[in-house]
C-alpha atoms as a PDB file:
ATOM      1  CA  MET A   1      -0.204 140.685 -17.824  1.00  0.00           C
ATOM      2  CA  GLU A   2      -1.987 138.209 -19.914  1.00  0.00           C
ATOM      3  CA  ALA A   3      -5.390 139.640 -19.147  1.00  0.00           C
ATOM      4  CA  ALA A   4      -4.612 142.626 -21.407  1.00  0.00           C
ATOM      5  CA  GLU A   5      -3.457 140.182 -24.140  1.00  0.00           C
ATOM      6  CA  MET A   6      -7.056 139.135 -24.683  1.00  0.00           C
ATOM      7  CA  GLU A   7      -7.866 142.480 -26.154  1.00  0.00           C
ATOM      8  CA  ILE A   8      -5.157 142.433 -28.759  1.00  0.00           C
ATOM      9  CA  ASP A   9      -6.059 140.428 -31.767  1.00  0.00           C
ATOM     10  CA  ASP A  10      -3.795 139.669 -34.712  1.00  0.00           C
ATOM     11  CA  ASP A  11      -5.040 140.961 -38.066  1.00  0.00           C
ATOM     12  CA  LEU A  12      -5.757 137.421 -39.323  1.00  0.00           C
ATOM     13  CA  PRO A  13      -9.458 136.917 -40.077  1.00  0.00           C
ATOM     14  CA  GLU A  14     -11.599 134.535 -37.986  1.00  0.00           C
ATOM     15  CA  VAL A  15     -11.879 131.045 -39.387  1.00  0.00           C
ATOM     16  CA  PRO A  16     -15.322 130.865 -41.044  1.00  0.00           C
ATOM     17  CA  ASP A  17     -17.886 128.959 -38.985  1.00  0.00           C
ATOM     18  CA  CYS A  18     -19.836 127.899 -42.049  1.00  0.00           C
ATOM     19  CA  ILE A  19     -18.064 125.245 -44.152  1.00  0.00           C
ATOM     20  CA  ALA A  20     -21.217 123.778 -45.591  1.00  0.00           C
ATOM     21  CA  SER A  21     -19.418 122.182 -48.544  1.00  0.00           C
ATOM     22  CA  MET A  22     -17.477 120.010 -46.089  1.00  0.00           C
ATOM     23  CA  VAL A  23     -20.523 118.423 -44.432  1.00  0.00           C
ATOM     24  CA  ASP A  24     -21.248 114.860 -45.212  1.00  0.00           C
ATOM     25  CA  ARG A  25     -23.619 112.399 -43.695  1.00  0.00           C
ATOM     26  CA  SER A  26     -20.966 110.007 -42.219  1.00  0.00           C
ATOM     27  CA  GLY A  27     -19.196 112.319 -39.863  1.00  0.00           C
ATOM     28  CA  SER A  28     -18.626 115.748 -38.464  1.00  0.00           C
ATOM     29  CA  VAL A  29     -17.332 118.937 -40.091  1.00  0.00           C
ATOM     30  CA  GLU A  30     -14.552 119.134 -37.642  1.00  0.00           C
ATOM     31  CA  SER A  31     -13.206 115.652 -38.338  1.00  0.00           C
ATOM     32  CA  LYS A  32     -13.137 116.327 -42.099  1.00  0.00           C
ATOM     33  CA  ARG A  33     -11.477 119.741 -41.608  1.00  0.00           C
ATOM     34  CA  LEU A  34      -8.738 118.231 -39.338  1.00  0.00           C
ATOM     35  CA  PHE A  35      -8.298 115.377 -41.892  1.00  0.00           C
ATOM     36  CA  LEU A  36      -7.746 117.753 -44.823  1.00  0.00           C
ATOM     37  CA  ALA A  37      -5.458 120.058 -42.841  1.00  0.00           C
ATOM     38  CA  ARG A  38      -3.297 117.147 -41.699  1.00  0.00           C
ATOM     39  CA  ARG A  39      -3.075 115.562 -45.140  1.00  0.00           C
ATOM     40  CA  THR A  40      -2.087 118.908 -46.719  1.00  0.00           C
ATOM     41  CA  ALA A  41       0.527 119.424 -43.999  1.00  0.00           C
ATOM     42  CA  LEU A  42       2.004 116.008 -44.700  1.00  0.00           C
ATOM     43  CA  GLU A  43       2.016 116.628 -48.448  1.00  0.00           C
ATOM     44  CA  MET A  44       3.861 119.958 -47.782  1.00  0.00           C
ATOM     45  CA  LEU A  45       6.420 118.170 -45.694  1.00  0.00           C
ATOM     46  CA  ARG A  46       7.034 115.662 -48.484  1.00  0.00           C
ATOM     47  CA  ASP A  47       7.360 118.520 -51.016  1.00  0.00           C
ATOM     48  CA  ARG A  48       9.866 120.131 -48.835  1.00  0.00           C
ATOM     49  CA  GLY A  49      11.983 116.949 -48.956  1.00  0.00           C
ATOM     50  CA  TYR A  50      11.002 115.386 -45.676  1.00  0.00           C
ATOM     51  CA  SER A  51      10.356 111.669 -45.137  1.00  0.00           C
ATOM     52  CA  VAL A  52       6.567 110.960 -44.995  1.00  0.00           C
ATOM     53  CA  PRO A  53       5.210 107.318 -45.180  1.00  0.00           C
ATOM     54  CA  ASP A  54       2.864 106.708 -48.119  1.00  0.00           C
ATOM     55  CA  GLU A  55       0.255 105.292 -45.769  1.00  0.00           C
ATOM     56  CA  GLU A  56       0.070 108.577 -43.843  1.00  0.00           C
ATOM     57  CA  ILE A  57      -0.843 110.566 -46.997  1.00  0.00           C
ATOM     58  CA  ALA A  58      -2.985 107.713 -48.427  1.00  0.00           C
ATOM     59  CA  ARG A  59      -5.136 107.537 -45.296  1.00  0.00           C
ATOM     60  CA  THR A  60      -8.853 107.977 -46.182  1.00  0.00           C
ATOM     61  CA  LEU A  61     -11.402 110.022 -44.439  1.00  0.00           C
ATOM     62  CA  PRO A  62     -13.146 107.028 -42.923  1.00  0.00           C
ATOM     63  CA  GLU A  63      -9.795 105.683 -41.805  1.00  0.00           C
ATOM     64  CA  PHE A  64      -8.935 109.024 -40.224  1.00  0.00           C
ATOM     65  CA  ARG A  65     -12.202 109.223 -38.422  1.00  0.00           C
ATOM     66  CA  ALA A  66     -11.857 105.737 -37.000  1.00  0.00           C
ATOM     67  CA  TRP A  67      -8.391 106.628 -35.735  1.00  0.00           C
ATOM     68  CA  TRP A  68      -9.360 110.048 -34.477  1.00  0.00           C
ATOM     69  CA  GLY A  69     -12.510 108.877 -32.830  1.00  0.00           C
ATOM     70  CA  GLU A  70     -10.638 106.554 -30.574  1.00  0.00           C
ATOM     71  CA  LYS A  71      -9.087 109.405 -28.735  1.00  0.00           C
ATOM     72  CA  SER A  72      -9.847 112.854 -29.945  1.00  0.00           C
ATOM     73  CA  GLU A  73      -6.978 114.801 -28.540  1.00  0.00           C
ATOM     74  CA  ILE A  74      -5.331 117.584 -30.593  1.00  0.00           C
ATOM     75  CA  GLU A  75      -1.809 116.384 -29.610  1.00  0.00           C
ATOM     76  CA  ARG A  76      -2.260 113.227 -31.587  1.00  0.00           C
ATOM     77  CA  LEU A  77      -2.237 115.184 -34.826  1.00  0.00           C
ATOM     78  CA  ALA A  78       1.338 116.158 -34.394  1.00  0.00           C
ATOM     79  CA  PHE A  79       3.884 114.564 -36.706  1.00  0.00           C
ATOM     80  CA  THR A  80       7.666 114.474 -36.540  1.00  0.00           C
ATOM     81  CA  THR A  81      10.102 113.536 -39.294  1.00  0.00           C
ATOM     82  CA  THR A  82      13.518 114.200 -40.746  1.00  0.00           C
ATOM     83  CA  LEU A  83      14.856 115.609 -44.018  1.00  0.00           C
ATOM     84  CA  VAL A  84      15.528 112.808 -46.463  1.00  0.00           C
ATOM     85  CA  SER A  85      18.859 114.418 -47.631  1.00  0.00           C
ATOM     86  CA  ASP A  86      20.023 115.218 -44.079  1.00  0.00           C
ATOM     87  CA  PRO A  87      18.429 113.200 -41.294  1.00  0.00           C
ATOM     88  CA  SER A  88      19.936 115.424 -38.697  1.00  0.00           C
ATOM     89  CA  LYS A  89      17.393 118.064 -39.655  1.00  0.00           C
ATOM     90  CA  LYS A  90      14.184 117.364 -37.827  1.00  0.00           C
ATOM     91  CA  VAL A  91      10.819 119.050 -38.232  1.00  0.00           C
ATOM     92  CA  GLN A  92       7.530 118.752 -36.284  1.00  0.00           C
ATOM     93  CA  ILE A  93       4.026 119.730 -37.170  1.00  0.00           C
ATOM     94  CA  VAL A  94       1.825 120.921 -34.224  1.00  0.00           C
ATOM     95  CA  PHE A  95      -1.835 121.589 -34.369  1.00  0.00           C
ATOM     96  CA  CYS A  96      -2.879 124.453 -32.064  1.00  0.00           C
ATOM     97  CA  PRO A  97      -6.205 124.191 -30.190  1.00  0.00           C
ATOM     98  CA  PRO A  98      -9.346 125.728 -31.577  1.00  0.00           C
ATOM     99  CA  GLU A  99      -9.327 128.680 -29.053  1.00  0.00           C
ATOM    100  CA  PRO A 100      -7.392 131.827 -29.918  1.00  0.00           C
ATOM    101  CA  VAL A 101      -3.713 131.263 -29.447  1.00  0.00           C
ATOM    102  CA  LYS A 102      -2.180 133.145 -26.488  1.00  0.00           C
ATOM    103  CA  ILE A 103       1.212 133.391 -25.058  1.00  0.00           C
ATOM    104  CA  ALA A 104       0.487 130.589 -22.614  1.00  0.00           C
ATOM    105  CA  THR A 105      -0.300 128.312 -25.680  1.00  0.00           C
ATOM    106  CA  ILE A 106       3.052 129.156 -27.173  1.00  0.00           C
ATOM    107  CA  ARG A 107       4.880 128.446 -23.962  1.00  0.00           C
ATOM    108  CA  GLU A 108       3.187 125.084 -23.638  1.00  0.00           C
ATOM    109  CA  ILE A 109       4.133 124.120 -27.165  1.00  0.00           C
ATOM    110  CA  TYR A 110       7.711 125.091 -26.411  1.00  0.00           C
ATOM    111  CA  ARG A 111       7.579 122.960 -23.217  1.00  0.00           C
ATOM    112  CA  GLN A 112       6.370 119.897 -25.245  1.00  0.00           C
ATOM    113  CA  THR A 113       8.902 120.339 -28.004  1.00  0.00           C
ATOM    114  CA  GLU A 114      12.088 121.610 -26.320  1.00  0.00           C
ATOM    115  CA  GLY A 115      13.586 118.200 -25.938  1.00  0.00           C
ATOM    116  CA  GLU A 116      12.915 117.047 -29.525  1.00  0.00           C
ATOM    117  CA  ASN A 117      16.100 118.689 -31.087  1.00  0.00           C
ATOM    118  CA  LEU A 118      14.088 120.220 -33.796  1.00  0.00           C
ATOM    119  CA  SER A 119      15.500 122.365 -36.599  1.00  0.00           C
ATOM    120  CA  ARG A 120      11.951 123.706 -37.666  1.00  0.00           C
ATOM    121  CA  LEU A 121       8.546 123.826 -36.212  1.00  0.00           C
ATOM    122  CA  ILE A 122       5.266 124.161 -38.192  1.00  0.00           C
ATOM    123  CA  LEU A 123       2.173 125.488 -36.317  1.00  0.00           C
ATOM    124  CA  ILE A 124      -1.251 124.900 -37.824  1.00  0.00           C
ATOM    125  CA  LEU A 125      -3.849 127.414 -36.440  1.00  0.00           C
ATOM    126  CA  GLN A 126      -7.574 126.642 -36.068  1.00  0.00           C
ATOM    127  CA  SER A 127      -8.340 130.126 -34.935  1.00  0.00           C
ATOM    128  CA  ARG A 128      -6.514 133.492 -34.750  1.00  0.00           C
ATOM    129  CA  ILE A 129      -3.282 134.055 -32.934  1.00  0.00           C
ATOM    130  CA  LEU A 130      -3.076 137.096 -30.597  1.00  0.00           C
ATOM    131  CA  SER A 131      -0.352 139.661 -31.544  1.00  0.00           C
ATOM    132  CA  ARG A 132       1.641 139.203 -28.412  1.00  0.00           C
ATOM    133  CA  ALA A 133       1.610 135.488 -28.880  1.00  0.00           C
ATOM    134  CA  ARG A 134       3.004 135.862 -32.393  1.00  0.00           C
ATOM    135  CA  GLU A 135       5.665 138.238 -31.205  1.00  0.00           C
ATOM    136  CA  SER A 136       6.593 135.859 -28.310  1.00  0.00           C
ATOM    137  CA  ILE A 137       7.450 133.040 -30.780  1.00  0.00           C
ATOM    138  CA  LYS A 138      10.821 134.799 -31.865  1.00  0.00           C
ATOM    139  CA  GLU A 139      11.669 135.359 -28.176  1.00  0.00           C
ATOM    140  CA  ILE A 140      10.831 131.823 -27.036  1.00  0.00           C
ATOM    141  CA  PHE A 141      12.028 129.626 -29.911  1.00  0.00           C
ATOM    142  CA  LYS A 142      15.536 129.572 -31.247  1.00  0.00           C
ATOM    143  CA  LEU A 143      14.562 127.800 -34.490  1.00  0.00           C
ATOM    144  CA  LYS A 144      12.549 128.588 -37.570  1.00  0.00           C
ATOM    145  CA  VAL A 145       8.734 128.514 -36.914  1.00  0.00           C
ATOM    146  CA  ASP A 146       6.266 128.485 -39.743  1.00  0.00           C
ATOM    147  CA  ILE A 147       2.637 129.513 -39.052  1.00  0.00           C
ATOM    148  CA  PHE A 148      -0.329 128.477 -41.244  1.00  0.00           C
ATOM    149  CA  GLN A 149      -3.983 129.244 -40.940  1.00  0.00           C
ATOM    150  CA  GLU A 150      -5.560 125.814 -41.197  1.00  0.00           C
ATOM    151  CA  LEU A 151      -4.331 124.344 -44.511  1.00  0.00           C
ATOM    152  CA  LEU A 152      -7.498 122.818 -45.932  1.00  0.00           C
ATOM    153  CA  VAL A 153      -6.330 123.111 -49.509  1.00  0.00           C
ATOM    154  CA  ASN A 154      -2.999 122.285 -51.088  1.00  0.00           C
ATOM    155  CA  ILE A 155      -2.317 125.426 -53.267  1.00  0.00           C
ATOM    156  CA  THR A 156       0.239 123.705 -55.372  1.00  0.00           C
ATOM    157  CA  LYS A 157      -2.532 121.294 -56.735  1.00  0.00           C
ATOM    158  CA  HIS A 158      -4.620 124.145 -58.115  1.00  0.00           C
ATOM    159  CA  VAL A 159      -5.270 123.696 -61.805  1.00  0.00           C
ATOM    160  CA  LEU A 160      -4.282 127.296 -62.602  1.00  0.00           C
ATOM    161  CA  LYS A 161      -1.104 127.267 -60.528  1.00  0.00           C
ATOM    162  CA  PRO A 162       2.063 126.703 -62.580  1.00  0.00           C
ATOM    163  CA  LYS A 163       4.489 124.023 -61.456  1.00  0.00           C
ATOM    164  CA  HIS A 164       7.241 125.127 -59.162  1.00  0.00           C
ATOM    165  CA  GLU A 165      10.569 123.370 -58.801  1.00  0.00           C
ATOM    166  CA  VAL A 166      13.127 124.428 -56.117  1.00  0.00           C
ATOM    167  CA  LEU A 167      16.705 124.486 -57.448  1.00  0.00           C
ATOM    168  CA  SER A 168      19.546 123.050 -55.495  1.00  0.00           C
ATOM    169  CA  ALA A 169      22.625 125.140 -54.696  1.00  0.00           C
ATOM    170  CA  ALA A 170      24.453 123.390 -57.524  1.00  0.00           C
ATOM    171  CA  GLN A 171      21.623 124.027 -60.001  1.00  0.00           C
ATOM    172  CA  LYS A 172      21.306 127.673 -58.918  1.00  0.00           C
ATOM    173  CA  ALA A 173      25.032 128.105 -59.552  1.00  0.00           C
ATOM    174  CA  LYS A 174      24.886 126.522 -62.958  1.00  0.00           C
ATOM    175  CA  LEU A 175      21.917 128.680 -64.004  1.00  0.00           C
ATOM    176  CA  LEU A 176      23.587 131.939 -62.944  1.00  0.00           C
ATOM    177  CA  LYS A 177      26.778 130.997 -64.835  1.00  0.00           C
ATOM    178  CA  GLN A 178      24.810 129.970 -67.863  1.00  0.00           C
ATOM    179  CA  TYR A 179      23.109 133.335 -68.046  1.00  0.00           C
ATOM    180  CA  ASN A 180      25.911 135.334 -66.580  1.00  0.00           C
ATOM    181  CA  VAL A 181      23.788 137.013 -63.903  1.00  0.00           C
ATOM    182  CA  GLU A 182      23.513 137.559 -60.173  1.00  0.00           C
ATOM    183  CA  ASP A 183      20.617 136.151 -58.285  1.00  0.00           C
ATOM    184  CA  SER A 184      19.575 139.743 -57.546  1.00  0.00           C
ATOM    185  CA  GLN A 185      18.991 140.241 -61.247  1.00  0.00           C
ATOM    186  CA  LEU A 186      16.483 137.512 -61.505  1.00  0.00           C
ATOM    187  CA  PRO A 187      12.701 138.224 -61.062  1.00  0.00           C
ATOM    188  CA  ARG A 188      11.795 138.158 -57.390  1.00  0.00           C
ATOM    189  CA  MET A 189       9.510 136.009 -55.368  1.00  0.00           C
ATOM    190  CA  LEU A 190       8.709 137.412 -51.912  1.00  0.00           C
ATOM    191  CA  GLU A 191       9.457 135.311 -48.864  1.00  0.00           C
ATOM    192  CA  THR A 192       5.825 135.841 -47.983  1.00  0.00           C
ATOM    193  CA  ASP A 193       4.487 134.474 -51.287  1.00  0.00           C
ATOM    194  CA  PRO A 194       2.117 131.497 -50.693  1.00  0.00           C
ATOM    195  CA  VAL A 195       4.282 129.168 -52.726  1.00  0.00           C
ATOM    196  CA  ALA A 196       7.483 130.235 -50.907  1.00  0.00           C
ATOM    197  CA  ARG A 197       5.762 129.670 -47.578  1.00  0.00           C
ATOM    198  CA  TYR A 198       4.419 126.266 -48.614  1.00  0.00           C
ATOM    199  CA  TYR A 199       7.878 125.163 -49.568  1.00  0.00           C
ATOM    200  CA  GLY A 200       9.555 126.963 -46.671  1.00  0.00           C
ATOM    201  CA  LEU A 201      11.983 128.800 -48.843  1.00  0.00           C
ATOM    202  CA  ASP A 202      14.677 131.151 -47.576  1.00  0.00           C
ATOM    203  CA  LYS A 203      15.959 134.249 -49.139  1.00  0.00           C
ATOM    204  CA  GLY A 204      18.340 133.591 -52.007  1.00  0.00           C
ATOM    205  CA  THR A 205      16.569 130.341 -53.079  1.00  0.00           C
ATOM    206  CA  VAL A 206      15.860 130.168 -56.849  1.00  0.00           C
ATOM    207  CA  VAL A 207      12.653 128.489 -58.083  1.00  0.00           C
ATOM    208  CA  LYS A 208      11.944 127.334 -61.587  1.00  0.00           C
ATOM    209  CA  VAL A 209       8.442 128.088 -62.634  1.00  0.00           C
ATOM    210  CA  ILE A 210       6.940 125.978 -65.415  1.00  0.00           C
ATOM    211  CA  TYR A 211       3.986 127.499 -67.271  1.00  0.00           C
ATOM    212  CA  ASP A 212       1.748 125.265 -69.529  1.00  0.00           C
ATOM    213  CA  SER A 213      -1.706 126.557 -70.296  1.00  0.00           C
ATOM    214  CA  GLU A 214      -3.636 128.160 -73.102  1.00  0.00           C
ATOM    215  CA  LEU A 215      -3.481 131.501 -71.422  1.00  0.00           C
ATOM    216  CA  THR A 216       0.201 131.674 -70.597  1.00  0.00           C
ATOM    217  CA  GLY A 217       1.634 129.303 -73.272  1.00  0.00           C
ATOM    218  CA  ASN A 218       4.374 126.850 -72.552  1.00  0.00           C
ATOM    219  CA  HIS A 219       7.528 128.497 -71.100  1.00  0.00           C
ATOM    220  CA  VAL A 220       9.898 128.536 -68.092  1.00  0.00           C
ATOM    221  CA  ALA A 221      10.767 131.353 -65.802  1.00  0.00           C
ATOM    222  CA  TYR A 222      13.138 131.668 -62.743  1.00  0.00           C
ATOM    223  CA  ARG A 223      12.377 133.599 -59.705  1.00  0.00           C
ATOM    224  CA  CYS A 224      14.636 134.328 -56.685  1.00  0.00           C
ATOM    225  CA  VAL A 225      13.152 134.429 -53.188  1.00  0.00           C
ATOM    226  CA  PHE A 226      13.771 137.854 -51.684  1.00  0.00           C
END
């Protein structure tokens, strides 16, 4: 049945072949792309509250190329860690191969991770994922799986992006009591919002958004993931 699968593409666009701005004289485009994607993924984990060693994020491009060049296998890019506040919650980042992701790819990732006792899995795509492969994730995995297309840029570092702070359950309760409102009365942030996806936010989570620019002025707003 997988032969038919090849004709069904997900609606995600192809990864651009031309990334001229990333070319430098000391190495390949591919190694820099993987370096940027992995660094952003590690920054994302840390921002979500997971334990990530400083040296992993501080690793330079030349250092990455020296490490990657020793054995250029996509499996080496994987990274597993635990939540600082609850070490029983374990997450793993897995980089998918550069070819379109099929059901067979998802099954192989499941085979490699099923004994890890994970509470969350993050897949980094280098190409498109076929529709049936995407659908199979919910059937195969019994945990939360986040899917990202590359991750070359950390969106939270953009100069025009306001600062976001995720409230704890206690902070949320205090806020709602202070303003005498229900979370459903707060402005909404979709679960598919890029910031919500970056932080891995679930429905009902409240985010404090801090604006500080000439255009928006200096003020604070609260949004509830819906």
